[in-house]
Amino acid sequence: MEILTSQQKNAALLADFYTRNSERFSPWQPRVNADHYSEDAWLRRLIERERDFQEGRAAHFIGLEDDRVVGSCSLANIVYSPGFYCYMGYCVDADYEGKEVMTRIVRKLLIMPSMVFDLTGLVLTICREISVRRACWKNWALKRKATPNVTCI
């Protein structure tokens, strides 16, 4: 699986991913207009997401397998204070649920050399896979020889 930041060139892939999984994601996502998952709508969001990433406000990642998005993970509402805090949200394609897709994405983003973020605190939202929680704790603690402040809600 290839893991990378979401970019404008991924608009069609993300439109397909969210369209295929929209019913499955509906309990955790607000109601949206019919065109919310269109390629054009995704292109507009990705332009803003790239700006947010460049300005350090958010980071959005996707996992690709066979030219298909299989998972999406976002670090959002980044707060720079004595530590670094953010919210993490993610979703996994129905065909890949239970196959540790998000565990692999989270592990990768927590140790990415290009990431300038130092995760002092991390709030995980919609943690459905316990292995993701374990991966966050283990990777964070190993990297810093400390106990992370991870809150799962």
N, C-alpha and C. Protein backbone atom coordinates (compact mmCIF):
# COMPACT_ATOMS: atom_id res chain seq x y z
N MET A 1 0.85 -1.18 0.00
CA MET A 1 0.00 0.00 0.00
C MET A 1 0.89 1.24 0.00
N GLU A 2 0.55 2.18 -0.86
CA GLU A 2 1.26 3.46 -0.92
C GLU A 2 0.51 4.46 -0.05
N ILE A 3 1.23 5.19 0.79
CA ILE A 3 0.63 6.16 1.69
C ILE A 3 1.21 7.53 1.36
N LEU A 4 0.32 8.48 1.06
CA LEU A 4 0.78 9.81 0.69
C LEU A 4 -0.20 10.87 1.11
N THR A 5 0.24 12.12 1.07
CA THR A 5 -0.68 13.21 1.39
C THR A 5 -1.67 13.33 0.24
N SER A 6 -2.91 13.65 0.57
CA SER A 6 -3.90 13.81 -0.49
C SER A 6 -3.62 15.10 -1.25
N GLN A 7 -3.70 15.00 -2.57
CA GLN A 7 -3.39 16.12 -3.45
C GLN A 7 -4.48 16.26 -4.49
N GLN A 8 -4.45 17.38 -5.22
CA GLN A 8 -5.47 17.65 -6.23
C GLN A 8 -5.59 16.52 -7.24
N LYS A 9 -4.49 15.90 -7.59
CA LYS A 9 -4.52 14.82 -8.58
C LYS A 9 -5.30 13.59 -8.08
N ASN A 10 -5.63 13.56 -6.79
CA ASN A 10 -6.38 12.43 -6.23
C ASN A 10 -7.88 12.68 -6.17
N ALA A 11 -8.36 13.75 -6.75
CA ALA A 11 -9.78 14.11 -6.65
C ALA A 11 -10.70 12.99 -7.15
N ALA A 12 -10.42 12.42 -8.29
CA ALA A 12 -11.29 11.36 -8.83
C ALA A 12 -11.25 10.12 -7.95
N LEU A 13 -10.08 9.78 -7.43
CA LEU A 13 -9.96 8.61 -6.56
C LEU A 13 -10.72 8.81 -5.25
N LEU A 14 -10.63 10.01 -4.68
CA LEU A 14 -11.36 10.28 -3.44
C LEU A 14 -12.86 10.34 -3.68
N ALA A 15 -13.27 10.89 -4.81
CA ALA A 15 -14.70 10.92 -5.15
C ALA A 15 -15.24 9.50 -5.23
N ASP A 16 -14.49 8.63 -5.85
CA ASP A 16 -14.90 7.23 -5.96
C ASP A 16 -14.95 6.56 -4.59
N PHE A 17 -13.92 6.75 -3.78
CA PHE A 17 -13.84 6.15 -2.43
C PHE A 17 -15.03 6.56 -1.57
N TYR A 18 -15.31 7.86 -1.50
CA TYR A 18 -16.39 8.33 -0.63
C TYR A 18 -17.77 8.01 -1.21
N THR A 19 -17.90 7.98 -2.50
CA THR A 19 -19.18 7.59 -3.11
C THR A 19 -19.49 6.12 -2.81
N ARG A 20 -18.48 5.26 -3.00
CA ARG A 20 -18.66 3.83 -2.73
C ARG A 20 -19.00 3.56 -1.27
N ASN A 21 -18.48 4.36 -0.37
CA ASN A 21 -18.62 4.10 1.07
C ASN A 21 -19.56 5.07 1.77
N SER A 22 -20.26 5.93 1.04
CA SER A 22 -21.06 6.99 1.67
C SER A 22 -22.12 6.44 2.63
N GLU A 23 -22.79 5.39 2.25
CA GLU A 23 -23.82 4.82 3.13
C GLU A 23 -23.18 4.25 4.40
N ARG A 24 -22.08 3.59 4.23
CA ARG A 24 -21.38 3.00 5.37
C ARG A 24 -20.83 4.06 6.34
N PHE A 25 -20.37 5.19 5.80
CA PHE A 25 -19.82 6.26 6.63
C PHE A 25 -20.90 7.15 7.23
N SER A 26 -22.13 7.05 6.77
CA SER A 26 -23.19 7.99 7.16
C SER A 26 -23.42 8.10 8.67
N PRO A 27 -23.28 7.03 9.47
CA PRO A 27 -23.50 7.21 10.91
C PRO A 27 -22.49 8.16 11.57
N TRP A 28 -21.33 8.35 10.97
CA TRP A 28 -20.27 9.17 11.56
C TRP A 28 -20.08 10.49 10.86
N GLN A 29 -20.73 10.71 9.74
CA GLN A 29 -20.55 11.94 9.00
C GLN A 29 -21.88 12.66 8.86
N PRO A 30 -21.85 13.99 8.85
CA PRO A 30 -23.11 14.73 8.71
C PRO A 30 -23.72 14.52 7.33
N ARG A 31 -25.01 14.80 7.23
CA ARG A 31 -25.68 14.73 5.92
C ARG A 31 -25.06 15.75 4.98
N VAL A 32 -24.94 15.36 3.73
CA VAL A 32 -24.32 16.24 2.74
C VAL A 32 -25.18 16.31 1.49
N ASN A 33 -24.93 17.32 0.66
CA ASN A 33 -25.64 17.45 -0.61
C ASN A 33 -25.25 16.31 -1.55
N ALA A 34 -26.06 16.09 -2.55
CA ALA A 34 -25.83 14.99 -3.50
C ALA A 34 -24.49 15.12 -4.22
N ASP A 35 -24.06 16.35 -4.48
CA ASP A 35 -22.80 16.53 -5.22
C ASP A 35 -21.57 16.63 -4.31
N HIS A 36 -21.73 16.41 -3.02
CA HIS A 36 -20.63 16.55 -2.06
C HIS A 36 -19.43 15.66 -2.40
N TYR A 37 -19.69 14.48 -2.93
CA TYR A 37 -18.61 13.53 -3.23
C TYR A 37 -18.18 13.57 -4.70
N SER A 38 -18.63 14.56 -5.45
CA SER A 38 -18.26 14.66 -6.86
C SER A 38 -16.77 15.00 -6.99
N GLU A 39 -16.23 14.73 -8.15
CA GLU A 39 -14.82 15.03 -8.41
C GLU A 39 -14.56 16.54 -8.29
N ASP A 40 -15.46 17.36 -8.80
CA ASP A 40 -15.29 18.81 -8.70
C ASP A 40 -15.28 19.29 -7.24
N ALA A 41 -16.18 18.73 -6.44
CA ALA A 41 -16.23 19.09 -5.02
C ALA A 41 -14.95 18.67 -4.32
N TRP A 42 -14.45 17.49 -4.65
CA TRP A 42 -13.20 17.03 -4.06
C TRP A 42 -12.02 17.89 -4.50
N LEU A 43 -12.01 18.31 -5.73
CA LEU A 43 -10.93 19.17 -6.20
C LEU A 43 -10.89 20.46 -5.39
N ARG A 44 -12.05 21.06 -5.15
CA ARG A 44 -12.10 22.29 -4.35
C ARG A 44 -11.59 22.04 -2.93
N ARG A 45 -12.01 20.92 -2.32
CA ARG A 45 -11.55 20.60 -0.96
C ARG A 45 -10.04 20.34 -0.92
N LEU A 46 -9.54 19.66 -1.94
CA LEU A 46 -8.12 19.32 -1.96
C LEU A 46 -7.23 20.56 -2.12
N ILE A 47 -7.71 21.54 -2.85
CA ILE A 47 -6.97 22.81 -2.96
C ILE A 47 -6.84 23.43 -1.57
N GLU A 48 -7.94 23.45 -0.83
CA GLU A 48 -7.89 24.00 0.53
C GLU A 48 -7.06 23.12 1.45
N ARG A 49 -7.15 21.82 1.32
CA ARG A 49 -6.37 20.91 2.16
C ARG A 49 -4.87 21.09 1.92
N GLU A 50 -4.47 21.30 0.69
CA GLU A 50 -3.06 21.53 0.40
C GLU A 50 -2.58 22.82 1.06
N ARG A 51 -3.42 23.85 1.04
CA ARG A 51 -3.08 25.11 1.70
C ARG A 51 -2.98 24.91 3.21
N ASP A 52 -3.93 24.18 3.78
CA ASP A 52 -3.89 23.90 5.22
C ASP A 52 -2.63 23.15 5.61
N PHE A 53 -2.22 22.19 4.77
CA PHE A 53 -1.01 21.42 5.04
C PHE A 53 0.23 22.33 5.00
N GLN A 54 0.30 23.17 3.98
CA GLN A 54 1.46 24.07 3.84
C GLN A 54 1.55 25.05 5.00
N GLU A 55 0.40 25.43 5.54
CA GLU A 55 0.37 26.39 6.65
C GLU A 55 0.35 25.72 8.01
N GLY A 56 0.42 24.38 8.03
CA GLY A 56 0.52 23.65 9.29
C GLY A 56 -0.77 23.53 10.08
N ARG A 57 -1.92 23.73 9.43
CA ARG A 57 -3.20 23.64 10.12
C ARG A 57 -3.79 22.24 10.12
N ALA A 58 -3.41 21.44 9.12
CA ALA A 58 -3.98 20.09 8.99
C ALA A 58 -3.09 19.27 8.07
N ALA A 59 -3.26 17.97 8.14
CA ALA A 59 -2.55 17.05 7.24
C ALA A 59 -3.50 15.92 6.91
N HIS A 60 -3.66 15.64 5.63
CA HIS A 60 -4.59 14.62 5.17
C HIS A 60 -3.82 13.58 4.36
N PHE A 61 -4.05 12.32 4.69
CA PHE A 61 -3.33 11.23 4.05
C PHE A 61 -4.30 10.22 3.45
N ILE A 62 -3.84 9.54 2.42
CA ILE A 62 -4.64 8.45 1.83
C ILE A 62 -3.75 7.23 1.66
N GLY A 63 -4.39 6.09 1.71
CA GLY A 63 -3.72 4.84 1.40
C GLY A 63 -4.23 4.36 0.06
N LEU A 64 -3.32 4.08 -0.86
CA LEU A 64 -3.68 3.63 -2.21
C LEU A 64 -3.24 2.19 -2.41
N GLU A 65 -4.11 1.42 -3.00
CA GLU A 65 -3.79 0.06 -3.38
C GLU A 65 -4.46 -0.22 -4.72
N ASP A 66 -3.68 -0.64 -5.70
CA ASP A 66 -4.20 -0.90 -7.04
C ASP A 66 -4.95 0.31 -7.61
N ASP A 67 -4.34 1.49 -7.47
CA ASP A 67 -4.94 2.75 -7.96
C ASP A 67 -6.33 3.00 -7.40
N ARG A 68 -6.52 2.64 -6.15
CA ARG A 68 -7.81 2.80 -5.48
C ARG A 68 -7.55 3.25 -4.05
N VAL A 69 -8.28 4.27 -3.58
CA VAL A 69 -8.16 4.70 -2.19
C VAL A 69 -8.79 3.63 -1.31
N VAL A 70 -8.04 3.16 -0.33
CA VAL A 70 -8.55 2.13 0.59
C VAL A 70 -8.70 2.68 2.00
N GLY A 71 -8.16 3.87 2.25
CA GLY A 71 -8.29 4.49 3.56
C GLY A 71 -7.89 5.96 3.50
N SER A 72 -8.45 6.73 4.40
CA SER A 72 -8.16 8.15 4.48
C SER A 72 -7.97 8.50 5.95
N CYS A 73 -6.98 9.32 6.24
CA CYS A 73 -6.68 9.69 7.62
C CYS A 73 -6.32 11.17 7.66
N SER A 74 -6.90 11.89 8.59
CA SER A 74 -6.65 13.33 8.70
C SER A 74 -6.25 13.72 10.10
N LEU A 75 -5.28 14.61 10.18
CA LEU A 75 -4.92 15.29 11.42
C LEU A 75 -5.44 16.71 11.23
N ALA A 76 -6.36 17.13 12.07
CA ALA A 76 -7.02 18.42 11.88
C ALA A 76 -7.08 19.20 13.19
N ASN A 77 -7.46 20.46 13.08
CA ASN A 77 -7.56 21.35 14.23
C ASN A 77 -6.27 21.34 15.03
N ILE A 78 -5.16 21.47 14.33
CA ILE A 78 -3.85 21.42 14.95
C ILE A 78 -3.67 22.65 15.84
N VAL A 79 -3.26 22.40 17.07
CA VAL A 79 -3.01 23.46 18.04
C VAL A 79 -1.54 23.39 18.44
N TYR A 80 -0.85 24.49 18.25
CA TYR A 80 0.54 24.60 18.68
C TYR A 80 0.52 25.32 20.02
N SER A 81 0.97 24.64 21.02
CA SER A 81 1.01 25.19 22.37
C SER A 81 2.29 24.65 23.00
N PRO A 82 2.37 24.54 24.31
CA PRO A 82 3.58 23.91 24.85
C PRO A 82 3.78 22.51 24.26
N GLY A 83 2.74 21.93 23.78
CA GLY A 83 2.81 20.65 23.08
C GLY A 83 2.19 20.81 21.72
N PHE A 84 1.85 19.72 21.13
CA PHE A 84 1.18 19.73 19.83
C PHE A 84 -0.04 18.86 19.98
N TYR A 85 -1.20 19.38 19.65
CA TYR A 85 -2.44 18.64 19.78
C TYR A 85 -3.22 18.71 18.48
N CYS A 86 -3.94 17.66 18.19
CA CYS A 86 -4.79 17.65 17.02
C CYS A 86 -5.84 16.56 17.16
N TYR A 87 -6.79 16.57 16.25
CA TYR A 87 -7.77 15.51 16.15
C TYR A 87 -7.39 14.63 14.98
N MET A 88 -7.60 13.35 15.15
CA MET A 88 -7.36 12.41 14.06
C MET A 88 -8.69 11.76 13.71
N GLY A 89 -9.02 11.81 12.44
CA GLY A 89 -10.21 11.12 11.95
C GLY A 89 -9.80 10.23 10.80
N TYR A 90 -10.49 9.13 10.63
CA TYR A 90 -10.12 8.23 9.54
C TYR A 90 -11.32 7.43 9.07
N CYS A 91 -11.18 6.86 7.89
CA CYS A 91 -12.18 5.95 7.36
C CYS A 91 -11.48 4.92 6.47
N VAL A 92 -12.09 3.75 6.44
CA VAL A 92 -11.53 2.62 5.69
C VAL A 92 -12.57 2.10 4.73
N ASP A 93 -12.15 1.76 3.53
CA ASP A 93 -13.03 1.17 2.53
C ASP A 93 -13.66 -0.11 3.08
N ALA A 94 -14.93 -0.33 2.77
CA ALA A 94 -15.64 -1.51 3.26
C ALA A 94 -14.92 -2.81 2.92
N ASP A 95 -14.33 -2.89 1.74
CA ASP A 95 -13.64 -4.11 1.32
C ASP A 95 -12.34 -4.34 2.08
N TYR A 96 -11.86 -3.34 2.81
CA TYR A 96 -10.57 -3.45 3.51
C TYR A 96 -10.72 -3.38 5.02
N GLU A 97 -11.94 -3.28 5.51
CA GLU A 97 -12.20 -3.25 6.95
C GLU A 97 -11.62 -4.50 7.60
N GLY A 98 -10.93 -4.30 8.73
CA GLY A 98 -10.36 -5.43 9.46
C GLY A 98 -9.05 -5.95 8.90
N LYS A 99 -8.51 -5.28 7.90
CA LYS A 99 -7.26 -5.74 7.27
C LYS A 99 -6.07 -4.85 7.66
N GLU A 100 -6.23 -4.11 8.75
CA GLU A 100 -5.18 -3.27 9.31
C GLU A 100 -4.70 -2.16 8.37
N VAL A 101 -5.57 -1.73 7.49
CA VAL A 101 -5.23 -0.63 6.58
C VAL A 101 -4.91 0.63 7.38
N MET A 102 -5.79 0.98 8.32
CA MET A 102 -5.56 2.21 9.07
C MET A 102 -4.38 2.08 10.00
N THR A 103 -4.14 0.93 10.54
CA THR A 103 -2.96 0.72 11.38
C THR A 103 -1.70 1.03 10.59
N ARG A 104 -1.63 0.58 9.35
CA ARG A 104 -0.45 0.84 8.52
C ARG A 104 -0.33 2.33 8.18
N ILE A 105 -1.45 2.98 7.89
CA ILE A 105 -1.41 4.41 7.58
C ILE A 105 -0.94 5.20 8.80
N VAL A 106 -1.52 4.92 9.96
CA VAL A 106 -1.16 5.65 11.18
C VAL A 106 0.30 5.42 11.53
N ARG A 107 0.76 4.20 11.45
CA ARG A 107 2.18 3.93 11.74
C ARG A 107 3.08 4.74 10.83
N LYS A 108 2.73 4.79 9.56
CA LYS A 108 3.54 5.52 8.58
C LYS A 108 3.56 7.01 8.88
N LEU A 109 2.39 7.59 9.13
CA LEU A 109 2.36 9.04 9.33
C LEU A 109 3.00 9.45 10.64
N LEU A 110 2.99 8.59 11.65
CA LEU A 110 3.62 8.94 12.92
C LEU A 110 5.14 8.92 12.85
N ILE A 111 5.69 8.21 11.86
CA ILE A 111 7.14 8.15 11.77
C ILE A 111 7.67 8.76 10.48
N MET A 112 6.81 9.44 9.72
CA MET A 112 7.24 10.06 8.46
C MET A 112 8.29 11.11 8.72
N PRO A 113 9.45 10.98 8.09
CA PRO A 113 10.49 12.00 8.30
C PRO A 113 10.07 13.37 7.80
N SER A 114 9.17 13.42 6.83
CA SER A 114 8.74 14.72 6.29
C SER A 114 7.76 15.42 7.22
N MET A 115 7.24 14.70 8.20
CA MET A 115 6.29 15.33 9.12
C MET A 115 7.06 16.14 10.14
N VAL A 116 6.72 17.41 10.25
CA VAL A 116 7.40 18.27 11.20
C VAL A 116 6.64 18.32 12.53
N PHE A 117 5.57 17.57 12.60
CA PHE A 117 4.76 17.58 13.80
C PHE A 117 5.38 16.72 14.89
N ASP A 118 5.33 17.19 16.11
CA ASP A 118 5.75 16.41 17.25
C ASP A 118 4.49 16.16 18.07
N LEU A 119 3.96 14.96 17.99
CA LEU A 119 2.69 14.66 18.63
C LEU A 119 2.85 14.51 20.14
N THR A 120 2.48 15.55 20.87
CA THR A 120 2.49 15.49 22.32
C THR A 120 1.14 14.98 22.80
N GLY A 121 0.11 15.36 22.11
CA GLY A 121 -1.23 14.91 22.43
C GLY A 121 -1.97 14.60 21.15
N LEU A 122 -2.77 13.58 21.16
CA LEU A 122 -3.49 13.18 19.97
C LEU A 122 -4.86 12.70 20.39
N VAL A 123 -5.89 13.30 19.84
CA VAL A 123 -7.25 12.87 20.14
C VAL A 123 -7.75 12.08 18.94
N LEU A 124 -8.06 10.82 19.15
CA LEU A 124 -8.54 9.96 18.08
C LEU A 124 -10.06 9.94 18.09
N THR A 125 -10.66 10.25 16.97
CA THR A 125 -12.11 10.20 16.86
C THR A 125 -12.50 9.00 16.02
N ILE A 126 -13.60 8.40 16.37
CA ILE A 126 -14.12 7.24 15.65
C ILE A 126 -13.08 6.12 15.58
N CYS A 127 -12.53 5.75 16.72
CA CYS A 127 -11.56 4.64 16.77
C CYS A 127 -12.33 3.33 16.77
N ARG A 128 -12.47 2.73 15.61
CA ARG A 128 -13.21 1.48 15.52
C ARG A 128 -12.27 0.28 15.62
N GLU A 129 -11.03 0.44 15.18
CA GLU A 129 -10.10 -0.67 15.23
C GLU A 129 -9.17 -0.48 16.42
N ILE A 130 -9.24 -1.38 17.40
CA ILE A 130 -8.39 -1.27 18.58
C ILE A 130 -6.92 -1.31 18.19
N SER A 131 -6.59 -1.97 17.09
CA SER A 131 -5.19 -2.05 16.67
C SER A 131 -4.65 -0.67 16.31
N VAL A 132 -5.50 0.25 15.85
CA VAL A 132 -5.06 1.61 15.55
C VAL A 132 -4.64 2.29 16.84
N ARG A 133 -5.44 2.13 17.88
CA ARG A 133 -5.09 2.72 19.17
C ARG A 133 -3.75 2.18 19.65
N ARG A 134 -3.61 0.88 19.59
CA ARG A 134 -2.36 0.26 20.05
C ARG A 134 -1.18 0.78 19.24
N ALA A 135 -1.35 0.91 17.93
CA ALA A 135 -0.27 1.39 17.07
C ALA A 135 0.12 2.82 17.45
N CYS A 136 -0.86 3.66 17.71
CA CYS A 136 -0.57 5.04 18.10
C CYS A 136 0.23 5.08 19.39
N TRP A 137 -0.24 4.36 20.38
CA TRP A 137 0.45 4.34 21.68
C TRP A 137 1.86 3.81 21.52
N LYS A 138 2.00 2.67 20.86
CA LYS A 138 3.30 2.01 20.75
C LYS A 138 4.29 2.86 19.96
N ASN A 139 3.90 3.36 18.79
CA ASN A 139 4.80 4.17 17.97
C ASN A 139 5.20 5.45 18.67
N TRP A 140 4.22 6.10 19.28
CA TRP A 140 4.51 7.36 19.96
C TRP A 140 5.48 7.11 21.12
N ALA A 141 5.18 6.12 21.93
CA ALA A 141 6.00 5.84 23.10
C ALA A 141 7.41 5.40 22.72
N LEU A 142 7.54 4.55 21.72
CA LEU A 142 8.86 4.09 21.30
C LEU A 142 9.70 5.24 20.78
N LYS A 143 9.10 6.12 20.01
CA LYS A 143 9.83 7.23 19.41
C LYS A 143 10.32 8.20 20.47
N ARG A 144 9.56 8.38 21.52
CA ARG A 144 9.88 9.40 22.52
C ARG A 144 10.26 8.84 23.88
N LYS A 145 10.23 7.52 24.01
CA LYS A 145 10.52 6.88 25.30
C LYS A 145 9.65 7.51 26.38
N ALA A 146 8.38 7.62 26.09
CA ALA A 146 7.45 8.26 26.99
C ALA A 146 6.08 7.64 26.85
N THR A 147 5.16 8.10 27.66
CA THR A 147 3.78 7.65 27.59
C THR A 147 2.96 8.74 26.92
N PRO A 148 2.30 8.44 25.80
CA PRO A 148 1.56 9.49 25.09
C PRO A 148 0.26 9.88 25.79
N ASN A 149 -0.18 11.07 25.51
CA ASN A 149 -1.46 11.55 25.96
C ASN A 149 -2.45 11.33 24.83
N VAL A 150 -2.93 10.11 24.68
CA VAL A 150 -3.85 9.78 23.60
C VAL A 150 -5.23 9.58 24.19
N THR A 151 -6.20 10.28 23.66
CA THR A 151 -7.57 10.16 24.12
C THR A 151 -8.39 9.60 22.98
N CYS A 152 -9.10 8.51 23.22
CA CYS A 152 -9.98 7.95 22.19
C CYS A 152 -11.42 8.23 22.59
N ILE A 153 -12.16 8.84 21.66
CA ILE A 153 -13.57 9.14 21.95
C ILE A 153 -14.43 8.56 20.89
